[in-house]
Amino acid sequence: MAFWNESAFVKLIFKDRFRRAIIEEVCNINEIVPARSAKKTKTKISQRSSFKKEIKKSWPLYVLCIPAFVFVCIFSYGPMVGLLMAFQDYKPWLGITGSRWIGLDNFERIFQYKEATQAIVNTLIIAVSKIIVGIIVPIVMAILLSEIRNMGIKKSVQTLVYLPHFLSWVTVAGLMIDILGLDGGINHILTRIFGNDPIYFLGDPDLFRFTVVISDVWKSFGFGMIVYLATIAGINPSYYEAAEIDGATRRQQIRYVTLPSMLPMIIVISTLSLGNILDAGFDQVFNLYNPLVYSTGDIIDTYVYRSSLLNGQYGFGTAVGLFKSGISLILIVVSYRLAYKYANYKIF
């Protein structure tokens, strides 16, 4: 009987303590929840007041942004209504509201037509080649220019390689057609040295991609080189001094000091370039290609131009363009994620 009384007494104590613990926990929660809600309310109020203060303080700047905002809405977002043509058998005389809806038939035709799939393959090959060569060449040129000690020569070379960036592709294409033609300067030189027949660089399917990539790099590498030159200029000189004390040669300094210091910027440029993997350059290809090189030079943009505007297949052309835009959007999001993950680069 005594044992039963003792065990009952112990149980009573534990029950009492358990109840007190529950009551204290509930009281703490009741105190915390109102505190959190009050804190959120204060945060929202402070955000609203700060936003109002910002508008009141900088309203002239916001007024200046209104024309640009209206311009974007009219010329960028307004035409998106035309994307409905991708899901229609669009007829210009019937309009968007009167044309027959066909669902995803236009998108299925993208992979049924040999010309469409070939244009996608050509776009990938040309764009990836441009990205790879367009990263390597500016890095090499930036390192070579940084090693030049004569500032006059350095500035002159930098200006010369930077100037082609300001030329339009219409101008560059005209020069290339004259230089690379059958009776152009390049063929005269090759014929005199090797005695071979003239080569039609812009009419040979095997050489057209190579010509497009090289001409694009020649035109744009000077602009891309500036970013790497700025990166090299920001490297701490004490690193090179320490390398010289350790007996490192100029080549070793480039390998162990310059390149590792440039690596974060190289990662950023490389990852952001993924967004352009379906952009092979409409202006360049349109001004250089011809029916002889459609098999290797026709890209998505030129194919959309021919199929929609020249052949009247507006719905199919819109579907191809929308397909490209969707893939590009995904690649841009992925590239920014990678840039933030590996180089801590972000816009917002």
C-alpha atoms as a PDB file:
ATOM      1  CA  MET A   1       0.000   0.000   0.000  1.00  0.00           C
ATOM      2  CA  ALA A   2       2.864   2.327   0.802  1.00  0.00           C
ATOM      3  CA  PHE A   3       4.479   1.539  -2.505  1.00  0.00           C
ATOM      4  CA  TRP A   4       1.257   2.396  -4.315  1.00  0.00           C
ATOM      5  CA  ASN A   5       1.020   5.717  -2.498  1.00  0.00           C
ATOM      6  CA  GLU A   6       4.625   6.562  -3.319  1.00  0.00           C
ATOM      7  CA  SER A   7       4.280   5.744  -7.015  1.00  0.00           C
ATOM      8  CA  ALA A   8       1.033   7.684  -7.219  1.00  0.00           C
ATOM      9  CA  PHE A   9       2.696  10.635  -5.562  1.00  0.00           C
ATOM     10  CA  VAL A  10       5.587  10.513  -8.082  1.00  0.00           C
ATOM     11  CA  LYS A  11       3.146  10.336 -10.983  1.00  0.00           C
ATOM     12  CA  LEU A  12       1.268  13.312  -9.600  1.00  0.00           C
ATOM     13  CA  ILE A  13       4.476  15.355  -9.432  1.00  0.00           C
ATOM     14  CA  PHE A  14       5.420  14.521 -13.034  1.00  0.00           C
ATOM     15  CA  LYS A  15       1.918  15.326 -14.265  1.00  0.00           C
ATOM     16  CA  ASP A  16       2.034  18.657 -12.512  1.00  0.00           C
ATOM     17  CA  ARG A  17       5.441  19.516 -13.976  1.00  0.00           C
ATOM     18  CA  PHE A  18       4.318  18.415 -17.436  1.00  0.00           C
ATOM     19  CA  ARG A  19       1.242  20.638 -17.211  1.00  0.00           C
ATOM     20  CA  ARG A  20       3.329  23.602 -16.092  1.00  0.00           C
ATOM     21  CA  ALA A  21       5.766  23.068 -18.973  1.00  0.00           C
ATOM     22  CA  ILE A  22       2.898  22.994 -21.469  1.00  0.00           C
ATOM     23  CA  ILE A  23       1.361  26.133 -19.989  1.00  0.00           C
ATOM     24  CA  GLU A  24       4.711  27.974 -20.120  1.00  0.00           C
ATOM     25  CA  GLU A  25       5.295  26.886 -23.729  1.00  0.00           C
ATOM     26  CA  VAL A  26       1.829  28.045 -24.772  1.00  0.00           C
ATOM     27  CA  CYS A  27       2.386  31.392 -23.056  1.00  0.00           C
ATOM     28  CA  ASN A  28       5.730  31.824 -24.835  1.00  0.00           C
ATOM     29  CA  ILE A  29       4.128  31.046 -28.187  1.00  0.00           C
ATOM     30  CA  ASN A  30       1.315  33.478 -27.515  1.00  0.00           C
ATOM     31  CA  GLU A  31       3.890  36.127 -26.752  1.00  0.00           C
ATOM     32  CA  ILE A  32       6.096  35.340 -29.764  1.00  0.00           C
ATOM     33  CA  VAL A  33       3.340  35.199 -32.402  1.00  0.00           C
ATOM     34  CA  PRO A  34       1.954  38.694 -31.680  1.00  0.00           C
ATOM     35  CA  ALA A  35       5.512  40.008 -31.543  1.00  0.00           C
ATOM     36  CA  ARG A  36       6.292  38.533 -34.955  1.00  0.00           C
ATOM     37  CA  SER A  37       3.066  39.812 -36.483  1.00  0.00           C
ATOM     38  CA  ALA A  38       3.702  43.240 -34.990  1.00  0.00           C
ATOM     39  CA  LYS A  39       7.221  43.181 -36.392  1.00  0.00           C
ATOM     40  CA  LYS A  40       5.956  42.275 -39.872  1.00  0.00           C
ATOM     41  CA  THR A  41       3.363  45.033 -39.690  1.00  0.00           C
ATOM     42  CA  LYS A  42       6.016  47.556 -38.695  1.00  0.00           C
ATOM     43  CA  THR A  43       8.251  46.358 -41.550  1.00  0.00           C
ATOM     44  CA  LYS A  44       5.444  46.768 -44.093  1.00  0.00           C
ATOM     45  CA  ILE A  45       4.621  50.223 -42.774  1.00  0.00           C
ATOM     46  CA  SER A  46       8.281  51.265 -42.892  1.00  0.00           C
ATOM     47  CA  GLN A  47       8.616  49.915 -46.440  1.00  0.00           C
ATOM     48  CA  ARG A  48       5.552  51.844 -47.565  1.00  0.00           C
ATOM     49  CA  SER A  49       6.771  55.037 -45.938  1.00  0.00           C
ATOM     50  CA  SER A  50      10.260  54.639 -47.429  1.00  0.00           C
ATOM     51  CA  PHE A  51       8.724  53.998 -50.863  1.00  0.00           C
ATOM     52  CA  LYS A  52       6.595  57.142 -50.554  1.00  0.00           C
ATOM     53  CA  LYS A  53       9.638  59.132 -49.466  1.00  0.00           C
ATOM     54  CA  GLU A  54      11.613  57.810 -52.415  1.00  0.00           C
ATOM     55  CA  ILE A  55       8.835  58.759 -54.862  1.00  0.00           C
ATOM     56  CA  LYS A  56       8.519  62.207 -53.306  1.00  0.00           C
ATOM     57  CA  LYS A  57      12.261  62.759 -53.364  1.00  0.00           C
ATOM     58  CA  SER A  58      13.043  61.445 -56.867  1.00  0.00           C
ATOM     59  CA  TRP A  59       9.785  62.087 -58.731  1.00  0.00           C
ATOM     60  CA  PRO A  60      11.503  64.049 -61.551  1.00  0.00           C
ATOM     61  CA  LEU A  61      13.586  60.972 -62.370  1.00  0.00           C
ATOM     62  CA  TYR A  62      10.510  58.756 -62.428  1.00  0.00           C
ATOM     63  CA  VAL A  63       8.777  61.235 -64.730  1.00  0.00           C
ATOM     64  CA  LEU A  64      11.752  61.013 -67.096  1.00  0.00           C
ATOM     65  CA  CYS A  65      11.338  57.216 -67.134  1.00  0.00           C
ATOM     66  CA  ILE A  66       7.726  57.424 -68.322  1.00  0.00           C
ATOM     67  CA  PRO A  67       8.532  57.927 -72.066  1.00  0.00           C
ATOM     68  CA  ALA A  68      10.925  54.952 -72.011  1.00  0.00           C
ATOM     69  CA  PHE A  69       8.325  52.841 -70.212  1.00  0.00           C
ATOM     70  CA  VAL A  70       5.646  53.762 -72.752  1.00  0.00           C
ATOM     71  CA  PHE A  71       8.073  53.069 -75.618  1.00  0.00           C
ATOM     72  CA  VAL A  72       8.846  49.591 -74.261  1.00  0.00           C
ATOM     73  CA  CYS A  73       5.173  48.796 -73.720  1.00  0.00           C
ATOM     74  CA  ILE A  74       4.223  49.830 -77.261  1.00  0.00           C
ATOM     75  CA  PHE A  75       7.118  48.384 -79.252  1.00  0.00           C
ATOM     76  CA  SER A  76       8.224  45.433 -77.065  1.00  0.00           C
ATOM     77  CA  TYR A  77       5.187  44.122 -75.213  1.00  0.00           C
ATOM     78  CA  GLY A  78       2.477  45.245 -77.624  1.00  0.00           C
ATOM     79  CA  PRO A  79       3.690  43.096 -80.553  1.00  0.00           C
ATOM     80  CA  MET A  80       3.600  40.002 -78.314  1.00  0.00           C
ATOM     81  CA  VAL A  81      -0.051  39.706 -79.279  1.00  0.00           C
ATOM     82  CA  GLY A  82       1.265  38.438 -82.602  1.00  0.00           C
ATOM     83  CA  LEU A  83       2.613  35.326 -80.851  1.00  0.00           C
ATOM     84  CA  LEU A  84      -0.911  33.946 -81.204  1.00  0.00           C
ATOM     85  CA  MET A  85      -0.070  33.327 -84.872  1.00  0.00           C
ATOM     86  CA  ALA A  86       2.188  30.461 -83.741  1.00  0.00           C
ATOM     87  CA  PHE A  87      -0.968  28.522 -82.807  1.00  0.00           C
ATOM     88  CA  GLN A  88      -2.957  29.442 -85.919  1.00  0.00           C
ATOM     89  CA  ASP A  89      -3.068  28.785 -89.630  1.00  0.00           C
ATOM     90  CA  TYR A  90      -2.608  32.513 -90.004  1.00  0.00           C
ATOM     91  CA  LYS A  91      -3.967  34.266 -93.066  1.00  0.00           C
ATOM     92  CA  PRO A  92      -3.226  38.006 -93.377  1.00  0.00           C
ATOM     93  CA  TRP A  93      -6.617  38.752 -94.933  1.00  0.00           C
ATOM     94  CA  LEU A  94      -8.420  37.046 -92.016  1.00  0.00           C
ATOM     95  CA  GLY A  95      -6.290  38.491 -89.223  1.00  0.00           C
ATOM     96  CA  ILE A  96      -5.585  36.975 -85.820  1.00  0.00           C
ATOM     97  CA  THR A  97      -9.239  36.845 -84.798  1.00  0.00           C
ATOM     98  CA  GLY A  98     -10.403  35.205 -88.015  1.00  0.00           C
ATOM     99  CA  SER A  99      -7.607  32.692 -88.643  1.00  0.00           C
ATOM    100  CA  ARG A 100      -8.164  29.025 -87.798  1.00  0.00           C
ATOM    101  CA  TRP A 101      -6.651  27.635 -84.591  1.00  0.00           C
ATOM    102  CA  ILE A 102      -4.450  24.566 -85.094  1.00  0.00           C
ATOM    103  CA  GLY A 103      -2.863  24.209 -81.647  1.00  0.00           C
ATOM    104  CA  LEU A 104       0.714  22.909 -81.650  1.00  0.00           C
ATOM    105  CA  ASP A 105       0.790  21.767 -85.280  1.00  0.00           C
ATOM    106  CA  ASN A 106       3.257  24.508 -86.259  1.00  0.00           C
ATOM    107  CA  PHE A 107       5.645  23.391 -83.505  1.00  0.00           C
ATOM    108  CA  GLU A 108       5.412  19.766 -84.645  1.00  0.00           C
ATOM    109  CA  ARG A 109       6.341  20.838 -88.163  1.00  0.00           C
ATOM    110  CA  ILE A 110       9.605  22.314 -86.849  1.00  0.00           C
ATOM    111  CA  PHE A 111      10.962  18.804 -86.312  1.00  0.00           C
ATOM    112  CA  GLN A 112       9.298  17.341 -89.401  1.00  0.00           C
ATOM    113  CA  TYR A 113      10.930  19.695 -91.903  1.00  0.00           C
ATOM    114  CA  LYS A 114      14.523  18.867 -92.746  1.00  0.00           C
ATOM    115  CA  GLU A 115      15.328  22.525 -93.423  1.00  0.00           C
ATOM    116  CA  ALA A 116      14.135  23.555 -89.945  1.00  0.00           C
ATOM    117  CA  THR A 117      16.158  20.919 -88.095  1.00  0.00           C
ATOM    118  CA  GLN A 118      19.199  21.744 -90.222  1.00  0.00           C
ATOM    119  CA  ALA A 119      18.814  25.439 -89.347  1.00  0.00           C
ATOM    120  CA  ILE A 120      18.767  24.540 -85.635  1.00  0.00           C
ATOM    121  CA  VAL A 121      21.916  22.414 -86.016  1.00  0.00           C
ATOM    122  CA  ASN A 122      23.687  25.163 -87.981  1.00  0.00           C
ATOM    123  CA  THR A 123      22.715  27.712 -85.336  1.00  0.00           C
ATOM    124  CA  LEU A 124      24.149  25.585 -82.530  1.00  0.00           C
ATOM    125  CA  ILE A 125      27.411  24.893 -84.370  1.00  0.00           C
ATOM    126  CA  ILE A 126      28.012  28.511 -85.376  1.00  0.00           C
ATOM    127  CA  ALA A 127      26.930  29.999 -82.037  1.00  0.00           C
ATOM    128  CA  VAL A 128      28.981  27.581 -79.904  1.00  0.00           C
ATOM    129  CA  SER A 129      32.033  28.127 -82.118  1.00  0.00           C
ATOM    130  CA  LYS A 130      31.635  31.895 -81.777  1.00  0.00           C
ATOM    131  CA  ILE A 131      31.338  31.629 -77.992  1.00  0.00           C
ATOM    132  CA  ILE A 132      34.438  29.427 -77.585  1.00  0.00           C
ATOM    133  CA  VAL A 133      36.695  31.344 -79.973  1.00  0.00           C
ATOM    134  CA  GLY A 134      35.212  34.665 -78.820  1.00  0.00           C
ATOM    135  CA  ILE A 135      36.347  33.920 -75.253  1.00  0.00           C
ATOM    136  CA  ILE A 136      39.811  32.549 -75.986  1.00  0.00           C
ATOM    137  CA  VAL A 137      40.992  35.230 -78.433  1.00  0.00           C
ATOM    138  CA  PRO A 138      40.198  38.281 -76.201  1.00  0.00           C
ATOM    139  CA  ILE A 139      41.925  36.602 -73.232  1.00  0.00           C
ATOM    140  CA  VAL A 140      45.080  35.917 -75.239  1.00  0.00           C
ATOM    141  CA  MET A 141      45.133  39.407 -76.765  1.00  0.00           C
ATOM    142  CA  ALA A 142      44.527  41.063 -73.390  1.00  0.00           C
ATOM    143  CA  ILE A 143      47.452  39.181 -71.853  1.00  0.00           C
ATOM    144  CA  LEU A 144      49.721  40.017 -74.802  1.00  0.00           C
ATOM    145  CA  LEU A 145      48.770  43.702 -74.686  1.00  0.00           C
ATOM    146  CA  SER A 146      49.325  43.858 -70.940  1.00  0.00           C
ATOM    147  CA  GLU A 147      52.901  42.667 -71.471  1.00  0.00           C
ATOM    148  CA  ILE A 148      53.709  45.575 -73.809  1.00  0.00           C
ATOM    149  CA  ARG A 149      55.584  48.243 -71.880  1.00  0.00           C
ATOM    150  CA  ASN A 150      55.540  50.938 -74.584  1.00  0.00           C
ATOM    151  CA  MET A 151      52.297  52.805 -73.924  1.00  0.00           C
ATOM    152  CA  GLY A 152      52.199  54.359 -77.414  1.00  0.00           C
ATOM    153  CA  ILE A 153      52.285  50.988 -79.156  1.00  0.00           C
ATOM    154  CA  LYS A 154      49.866  49.539 -76.615  1.00  0.00           C
ATOM    155  CA  LYS A 155      47.260  52.274 -77.135  1.00  0.00           C
ATOM    156  CA  SER A 156      47.642  52.157 -80.922  1.00  0.00           C
ATOM    157  CA  VAL A 157      47.101  48.397 -81.111  1.00  0.00           C
ATOM    158  CA  GLN A 158      44.166  48.610 -78.721  1.00  0.00           C
ATOM    159  CA  THR A 159      42.511  51.304 -80.846  1.00  0.00           C
ATOM    160  CA  LEU A 160      43.056  49.399 -84.095  1.00  0.00           C
ATOM    161  CA  VAL A 161      41.497  46.170 -82.812  1.00  0.00           C
ATOM    162  CA  TYR A 162      38.644  48.091 -81.161  1.00  0.00           C
ATOM    163  CA  LEU A 163      37.560  50.061 -84.257  1.00  0.00           C
ATOM    164  CA  PRO A 164      35.869  47.173 -86.184  1.00  0.00           C
ATOM    165  CA  HIS A 165      33.313  46.904 -83.399  1.00  0.00           C
ATOM    166  CA  PHE A 166      31.759  50.198 -84.576  1.00  0.00           C
ATOM    167  CA  LEU A 167      31.296  49.012 -88.175  1.00  0.00           C
ATOM    168  CA  SER A 168      27.915  47.626 -89.182  1.00  0.00           C
ATOM    169  CA  TRP A 169      27.667  44.153 -90.667  1.00  0.00           C
ATOM    170  CA  VAL A 170      26.460  45.669 -93.936  1.00  0.00           C
ATOM    171  CA  THR A 171      29.791  47.483 -94.266  1.00  0.00           C
ATOM    172  CA  VAL A 172      31.860  44.497 -93.110  1.00  0.00           C
ATOM    173  CA  ALA A 173      29.961  42.121 -95.406  1.00  0.00           C
ATOM    174  CA  GLY A 174      30.631  44.394 -98.394  1.00  0.00           C
ATOM    175  CA  LEU A 175      34.345  44.393 -97.595  1.00  0.00           C
ATOM    176  CA  MET A 176      34.415  40.621 -97.117  1.00  0.00           C
ATOM    177  CA  ILE A 177      32.603  39.953-100.391  1.00  0.00           C
ATOM    178  CA  ASP A 178      35.216  42.034-102.228  1.00  0.00           C
ATOM    179  CA  ILE A 179      38.194  40.562-100.350  1.00  0.00           C
ATOM    180  CA  LEU A 180      37.056  36.910-100.344  1.00  0.00           C
ATOM    181  CA  GLY A 181      35.549  36.864-103.852  1.00  0.00           C
ATOM    182  CA  LEU A 182      36.959  34.790-106.697  1.00  0.00           C
ATOM    183  CA  ASP A 183      38.879  37.824-107.938  1.00  0.00           C
ATOM    184  CA  GLY A 184      39.493  39.251-104.457  1.00  0.00           C
ATOM    185  CA  GLY A 185      42.779  40.027-102.759  1.00  0.00           C
ATOM    186  CA  ILE A 186      42.971  36.793-100.730  1.00  0.00           C
ATOM    187  CA  ASN A 187      42.637  34.607-103.834  1.00  0.00           C
ATOM    188  CA  HIS A 188      45.265  36.669-105.682  1.00  0.00           C
ATOM    189  CA  ILE A 189      47.729  36.055-102.831  1.00  0.00           C
ATOM    190  CA  LEU A 190      46.939  32.339-102.556  1.00  0.00           C
ATOM    191  CA  THR A 191      47.135  31.844-106.310  1.00  0.00           C
ATOM    192  CA  ARG A 192      50.565  33.511-106.521  1.00  0.00           C
ATOM    193  CA  ILE A 193      52.009  31.574-103.578  1.00  0.00           C
ATOM    194  CA  PHE A 194      50.502  28.103-104.067  1.00  0.00           C
ATOM    195  CA  GLY A 195      49.319  28.258-107.694  1.00  0.00           C
ATOM    196  CA  ASN A 196      45.901  26.801-106.840  1.00  0.00           C
ATOM    197  CA  ASP A 197      42.525  27.682-108.312  1.00  0.00           C
ATOM    198  CA  PRO A 198      40.558  30.545-106.740  1.00  0.00           C
ATOM    199  CA  ILE A 199      38.481  29.566-103.709  1.00  0.00           C
ATOM    200  CA  TYR A 200      34.942  30.879-103.291  1.00  0.00           C
ATOM    201  CA  PHE A 201      34.979  31.251 -99.492  1.00  0.00           C
ATOM    202  CA  LEU A 202      31.403  32.537 -99.257  1.00  0.00           C
ATOM    203  CA  GLY A 203      30.038  29.947-101.690  1.00  0.00           C
ATOM    204  CA  ASP A 204      31.676  26.798-100.326  1.00  0.00           C
ATOM    205  CA  PRO A 205      29.494  25.078 -97.677  1.00  0.00           C
ATOM    206  CA  ASP A 206      32.561  23.577 -95.985  1.00  0.00           C
ATOM    207  CA  LEU A 207      34.256  26.971 -95.552  1.00  0.00           C
ATOM    208  CA  PHE A 208      31.257  29.183 -94.830  1.00  0.00           C
ATOM    209  CA  ARG A 209      30.975  28.415 -91.091  1.00  0.00           C
ATOM    210  CA  PHE A 210      34.705  28.961 -90.634  1.00  0.00           C
ATOM    211  CA  THR A 211      34.474  32.282 -92.483  1.00  0.00           C
ATOM    212  CA  VAL A 212      31.525  33.414 -90.353  1.00  0.00           C
ATOM    213  CA  VAL A 213      33.231  32.561 -87.062  1.00  0.00           C
ATOM    214  CA  ILE A 214      36.570  34.179 -87.974  1.00  0.00           C
ATOM    215  CA  SER A 215      34.943  37.359 -89.280  1.00  0.00           C
ATOM    216  CA  ASP A 216      32.798  37.653 -86.151  1.00  0.00           C
ATOM    217  CA  VAL A 217      35.830  37.247 -83.878  1.00  0.00           C
ATOM    218  CA  TRP A 218      37.795  39.812 -85.898  1.00  0.00           C
ATOM    219  CA  LYS A 219      34.964  42.314 -85.530  1.00  0.00           C
ATOM    220  CA  SER A 220      34.155  41.820 -81.844  1.00  0.00           C
ATOM    221  CA  PHE A 221      37.232  40.591 -79.960  1.00  0.00           C
ATOM    222  CA  GLY A 222      38.577  44.131 -79.462  1.00  0.00           C
ATOM    223  CA  PHE A 223      35.464  45.083 -77.515  1.00  0.00           C
ATOM    224  CA  GLY A 224      35.590  41.917 -75.408  1.00  0.00           C
ATOM    225  CA  MET A 225      39.268  42.439 -74.721  1.00  0.00           C
ATOM    226  CA  ILE A 226      38.582  45.649 -72.759  1.00  0.00           C
ATOM    227  CA  VAL A 227      36.912  43.702 -69.938  1.00  0.00           C
ATOM    228  CA  TYR A 228      39.949  41.469 -69.506  1.00  0.00           C
ATOM    229  CA  LEU A 229      42.360  44.395 -69.728  1.00  0.00           C
ATOM    230  CA  ALA A 230      40.455  46.079 -66.903  1.00  0.00           C
ATOM    231  CA  THR A 231      40.666  42.852 -64.889  1.00  0.00           C
ATOM    232  CA  ILE A 232      44.427  42.626 -65.412  1.00  0.00           C
ATOM    233  CA  ALA A 233      44.843  46.294 -64.462  1.00  0.00           C
ATOM    234  CA  GLY A 234      43.063  45.572 -61.165  1.00  0.00           C
ATOM    235  CA  ILE A 235      45.468  42.819 -60.097  1.00  0.00           C
ATOM    236  CA  ASN A 236      47.522  43.760 -57.049  1.00  0.00           C
ATOM    237  CA  PRO A 237      51.130  44.559 -58.187  1.00  0.00           C
ATOM    238  CA  SER A 238      52.468  42.980 -55.005  1.00  0.00           C
ATOM    239  CA  TYR A 239      51.563  39.579 -56.429  1.00  0.00           C
ATOM    240  CA  TYR A 240      53.936  40.103 -59.350  1.00  0.00           C
ATOM    241  CA  GLU A 241      56.616  41.485 -57.028  1.00  0.00           C
ATOM    242  CA  ALA A 242      56.366  38.429 -54.812  1.00  0.00           C
ATOM    243  CA  ALA A 243      56.557  36.177 -57.903  1.00  0.00           C
ATOM    244  CA  GLU A 244      59.685  37.999 -59.118  1.00  0.00           C
ATOM    245  CA  ILE A 245      61.324  37.592 -55.708  1.00  0.00           C
ATOM    246  CA  ASP A 246      60.600  33.868 -55.906  1.00  0.00           C
ATOM    247  CA  GLY A 247      62.323  33.797 -59.313  1.00  0.00           C
ATOM    248  CA  ALA A 248      59.254  33.424 -61.543  1.00  0.00           C
ATOM    249  CA  THR A 249      59.665  34.252 -65.226  1.00  0.00           C
ATOM    250  CA  ARG A 250      57.141  36.354 -67.165  1.00  0.00           C
ATOM    251  CA  ARG A 251      55.506  33.218 -68.519  1.00  0.00           C
ATOM    252  CA  GLN A 252      55.215  31.768 -65.029  1.00  0.00           C
ATOM    253  CA  GLN A 253      53.755  35.031 -63.721  1.00  0.00           C
ATOM    254  CA  ILE A 254      51.094  34.861 -66.431  1.00  0.00           C
ATOM    255  CA  ARG A 255      50.339  31.253 -65.565  1.00  0.00           C
ATOM    256  CA  TYR A 256      50.277  31.511 -61.776  1.00  0.00           C
ATOM    257  CA  VAL A 257      49.240  35.150 -61.185  1.00  0.00           C
ATOM    258  CA  THR A 258      47.447  36.653 -64.199  1.00  0.00           C
ATOM    259  CA  LEU A 259      45.267  33.733 -65.284  1.00  0.00           C
ATOM    260  CA  PRO A 260      44.052  32.786 -61.757  1.00  0.00           C
ATOM    261  CA  SER A 261      43.186  36.447 -61.121  1.00  0.00           C
ATOM    262  CA  MET A 262      41.222  36.564 -64.394  1.00  0.00           C
ATOM    263  CA  LEU A 263      39.392  33.300 -63.695  1.00  0.00           C
ATOM    264  CA  PRO A 264      36.305  34.811 -61.947  1.00  0.00           C
ATOM    265  CA  MET A 265      35.709  37.189 -64.870  1.00  0.00           C
ATOM    266  CA  ILE A 266      36.264  34.365 -67.376  1.00  0.00           C
ATOM    267  CA  ILE A 267      33.650  32.272 -65.549  1.00  0.00           C
ATOM    268  CA  VAL A 268      31.171  35.157 -65.582  1.00  0.00           C
ATOM    269  CA  ILE A 269      31.640  35.869 -69.301  1.00  0.00           C
ATOM    270  CA  SER A 270      31.478  32.172 -70.180  1.00  0.00           C
ATOM    271  CA  THR A 271      28.320  31.444 -68.213  1.00  0.00           C
ATOM    272  CA  LEU A 272      26.521  34.556 -69.443  1.00  0.00           C
ATOM    273  CA  SER A 273      27.386  33.549 -73.010  1.00  0.00           C
ATOM    274  CA  LEU A 274      25.166  30.481 -72.633  1.00  0.00           C
ATOM    275  CA  GLY A 275      22.175  32.747 -73.172  1.00  0.00           C
ATOM    276  CA  ASN A 276      23.417  33.436 -76.732  1.00  0.00           C
ATOM    277  CA  ILE A 277      23.795  29.790 -77.683  1.00  0.00           C
ATOM    278  CA  LEU A 278      20.868  30.071 -80.139  1.00  0.00           C
ATOM    279  CA  ASP A 279      21.917  33.486 -81.429  1.00  0.00           C
ATOM    280  CA  ALA A 280      24.267  32.945 -84.347  1.00  0.00           C
ATOM    281  CA  GLY A 281      24.016  36.542 -85.592  1.00  0.00           C
ATOM    282  CA  PHE A 282      21.242  37.316 -88.069  1.00  0.00           C
ATOM    283  CA  ASP A 283      22.843  40.527 -89.395  1.00  0.00           C
ATOM    284  CA  GLN A 284      26.100  38.813 -90.219  1.00  0.00           C
ATOM    285  CA  VAL A 285      24.727  35.629 -91.783  1.00  0.00           C
ATOM    286  CA  PHE A 286      21.975  37.436 -93.710  1.00  0.00           C
ATOM    287  CA  ASN A 287      24.513  39.729 -95.362  1.00  0.00           C
ATOM    288  CA  LEU A 288      27.001  36.943 -96.154  1.00  0.00           C
ATOM    289  CA  TYR A 289      25.056  33.819 -97.061  1.00  0.00           C
ATOM    290  CA  ASN A 290      23.514  32.723-100.355  1.00  0.00           C
ATOM    291  CA  PRO A 291      21.558  29.680-101.627  1.00  0.00           C
ATOM    292  CA  LEU A 292      24.824  27.772-102.204  1.00  0.00           C
ATOM    293  CA  VAL A 293      25.507  27.577 -98.445  1.00  0.00           C
ATOM    294  CA  TYR A 294      21.988  27.017 -97.061  1.00  0.00           C
ATOM    295  CA  SER A 295      23.000  23.509 -95.977  1.00  0.00           C
ATOM    296  CA  THR A 296      25.621  24.802 -93.522  1.00  0.00           C
ATOM    297  CA  GLY A 297      24.920  28.523 -93.195  1.00  0.00           C
ATOM    298  CA  ASP A 298      21.155  28.787 -92.784  1.00  0.00           C
ATOM    299  CA  ILE A 299      20.364  29.607 -89.130  1.00  0.00           C
ATOM    300  CA  ILE A 300      17.078  29.894 -87.222  1.00  0.00           C
ATOM    301  CA  ASP A 301      16.713  33.639 -87.757  1.00  0.00           C
ATOM    302  CA  THR A 302      17.314  33.537 -91.508  1.00  0.00           C
ATOM    303  CA  TYR A 303      15.044  30.502 -91.837  1.00  0.00           C
ATOM    304  CA  VAL A 304      12.254  32.349 -90.003  1.00  0.00           C
ATOM    305  CA  TYR A 305      12.769  35.340 -92.314  1.00  0.00           C
ATOM    306  CA  ARG A 306      12.481  33.226 -95.457  1.00  0.00           C
ATOM    307  CA  SER A 307       9.639  30.984 -94.310  1.00  0.00           C
ATOM    308  CA  SER A 308       7.457  33.774 -92.917  1.00  0.00           C
ATOM    309  CA  LEU A 309       8.143  36.925 -94.922  1.00  0.00           C
ATOM    310  CA  LEU A 310       9.191  35.430 -98.262  1.00  0.00           C
ATOM    311  CA  ASN A 311       7.119  32.220 -98.358  1.00  0.00           C
ATOM    312  CA  GLY A 312       4.073  33.549 -96.501  1.00  0.00           C
ATOM    313  CA  GLN A 313       4.099  30.891 -93.731  1.00  0.00           C
ATOM    314  CA  TYR A 314       3.554  33.408 -90.961  1.00  0.00           C
ATOM    315  CA  GLY A 315       2.253  30.978 -88.359  1.00  0.00           C
ATOM    316  CA  PHE A 316       5.109  28.525 -88.867  1.00  0.00           C
ATOM    317  CA  GLY A 317       7.714  31.291 -88.831  1.00  0.00           C
ATOM    318  CA  THR A 318       6.261  32.684 -85.601  1.00  0.00           C
ATOM    319  CA  ALA A 319       6.344  29.200 -84.050  1.00  0.00           C
ATOM    320  CA  VAL A 320      10.029  28.784 -84.901  1.00  0.00           C
ATOM    321  CA  GLY A 321      10.838  32.207 -83.446  1.00  0.00           C
ATOM    322  CA  LEU A 322       8.820  31.476 -80.290  1.00  0.00           C
ATOM    323  CA  PHE A 323      10.580  28.131 -79.899  1.00  0.00           C
ATOM    324  CA  LYS A 324      13.952  29.857 -80.097  1.00  0.00           C
ATOM    325  CA  SER A 325      12.906  32.578 -77.646  1.00  0.00           C
ATOM    326  CA  GLY A 326      11.673  30.022 -75.100  1.00  0.00           C
ATOM    327  CA  ILE A 327      14.907  28.025 -75.199  1.00  0.00           C
ATOM    328  CA  SER A 328      16.953  31.245 -74.988  1.00  0.00           C
ATOM    329  CA  LEU A 329      14.993  32.388 -71.928  1.00  0.00           C
ATOM    330  CA  ILE A 330      15.713  29.094 -70.153  1.00  0.00           C
ATOM    331  CA  LEU A 331      19.410  29.309 -71.047  1.00  0.00           C
ATOM    332  CA  ILE A 332      19.645  32.903 -69.786  1.00  0.00           C
ATOM    333  CA  VAL A 333      18.096  31.947 -66.426  1.00  0.00           C
ATOM    334  CA  VAL A 334      20.454  28.960 -66.121  1.00  0.00           C
ATOM    335  CA  SER A 335      23.489  31.060 -67.047  1.00  0.00           C
ATOM    336  CA  TYR A 336      22.706  33.687 -64.403  1.00  0.00           C
ATOM    337  CA  ARG A 337      22.222  30.954 -61.818  1.00  0.00           C
ATOM    338  CA  LEU A 338      25.608  29.458 -62.710  1.00  0.00           C
ATOM    339  CA  ALA A 339      27.283  32.872 -62.670  1.00  0.00           C
ATOM    340  CA  TYR A 340      25.889  33.535 -59.197  1.00  0.00           C
ATOM    341  CA  LYS A 341      26.874  30.074 -57.933  1.00  0.00           C
ATOM    342  CA  TYR A 342      30.446  29.931 -59.228  1.00  0.00           C
ATOM    343  CA  ALA A 343      31.441  33.623 -59.456  1.00  0.00           C
ATOM    344  CA  ASN A 344      29.024  35.312 -57.025  1.00  0.00           C
ATOM    345  CA  TYR A 345      27.788  37.506 -59.874  1.00  0.00           C
ATOM    346  CA  LYS A 346      24.263  38.874 -59.750  1.00  0.00           C
ATOM    347  CA  ILE A 347      22.375  41.827 -61.203  1.00  0.00           C
ATOM    348  CA  PHE A 348      19.797  42.350 -58.469  1.00  0.00           C
END
